[in-house]
Amino acid sequence: MMLVAIAVILAVPGAFPLWLKIEQGVCGLVLLGVAALVNGKHLRAVSAVG
């Protein structure tokens, strides 16, 4: 949900200052990286039960 909220903040023209959009873009990229890492095959294989 956070990635969707960040995308909305970035997409709405003129509603937010540029510095906020830049900050949210950077946070979104970091969050996207964490989501990719957590949902990767290696971590799922390590944490698999059974």
Protein backbone atom coordinates (compact mmCIF):
# COMPACT_ATOMS: atom_id res chain seq x y z
CA MET A 1 0.00 0.00 0.00
CA MET A 2 2.86 2.36 0.71
CA LEU A 3 4.17 2.06 -2.84
CA VAL A 4 0.73 2.96 -4.17
CA ALA A 5 0.53 5.98 -1.85
CA ILE A 6 3.98 7.14 -2.96
CA ALA A 7 2.99 6.73 -6.62
CA VAL A 8 -0.07 8.90 -6.03
CA ILE A 9 2.00 11.60 -4.34
CA LEU A 10 4.40 11.62 -7.29
CA ALA A 11 1.63 11.60 -9.89
CA VAL A 12 -0.59 14.42 -8.59
CA PRO A 13 0.60 17.62 -10.30
CA GLY A 14 1.11 20.68 -8.12
CA ALA A 15 -0.35 19.23 -4.93
CA PHE A 16 2.98 18.72 -3.17
CA PRO A 17 6.29 20.65 -3.17
CA LEU A 18 9.17 19.34 -5.26
CA TRP A 19 11.33 18.50 -2.24
CA LEU A 20 8.58 16.20 -0.91
CA LYS A 21 8.22 14.43 -4.25
CA ILE A 22 11.98 13.86 -4.42
CA GLU A 23 12.04 12.53 -0.86
CA GLN A 24 9.09 10.23 -1.49
CA GLY A 25 10.66 9.01 -4.73
CA VAL A 26 13.87 8.04 -2.92
CA CYS A 27 11.92 6.33 -0.14
CA GLY A 28 9.82 4.52 -2.73
CA LEU A 29 12.93 3.18 -4.47
CA VAL A 30 14.32 1.94 -1.16
CA LEU A 31 10.99 0.34 -0.26
CA LEU A 32 10.80 -1.30 -3.68
CA GLY A 33 14.26 -2.78 -3.14
CA VAL A 34 13.30 -4.12 0.28
CA ALA A 35 10.09 -5.62 -1.12
CA ALA A 36 12.04 -7.32 -3.92
CA LEU A 37 14.57 -8.69 -1.42
CA VAL A 38 11.92 -9.99 0.98
CA ASN A 39 9.92 -11.64 -1.80
CA GLY A 40 12.98 -13.15 -3.49
CA LYS A 41 13.50 -16.89 -3.95
CA HIS A 42 16.52 -17.06 -1.66
CA LEU A 43 14.83 -15.59 1.42
CA ARG A 44 11.68 -17.65 0.88
CA ALA A 45 13.79 -20.81 0.59
CA VAL A 46 15.69 -19.99 3.79
CA SER A 47 12.53 -19.31 5.78
CA ALA A 48 10.51 -22.24 4.35
CA VAL A 49 9.15 -24.62 6.94
CA GLY A 50 9.39 -28.34 6.28
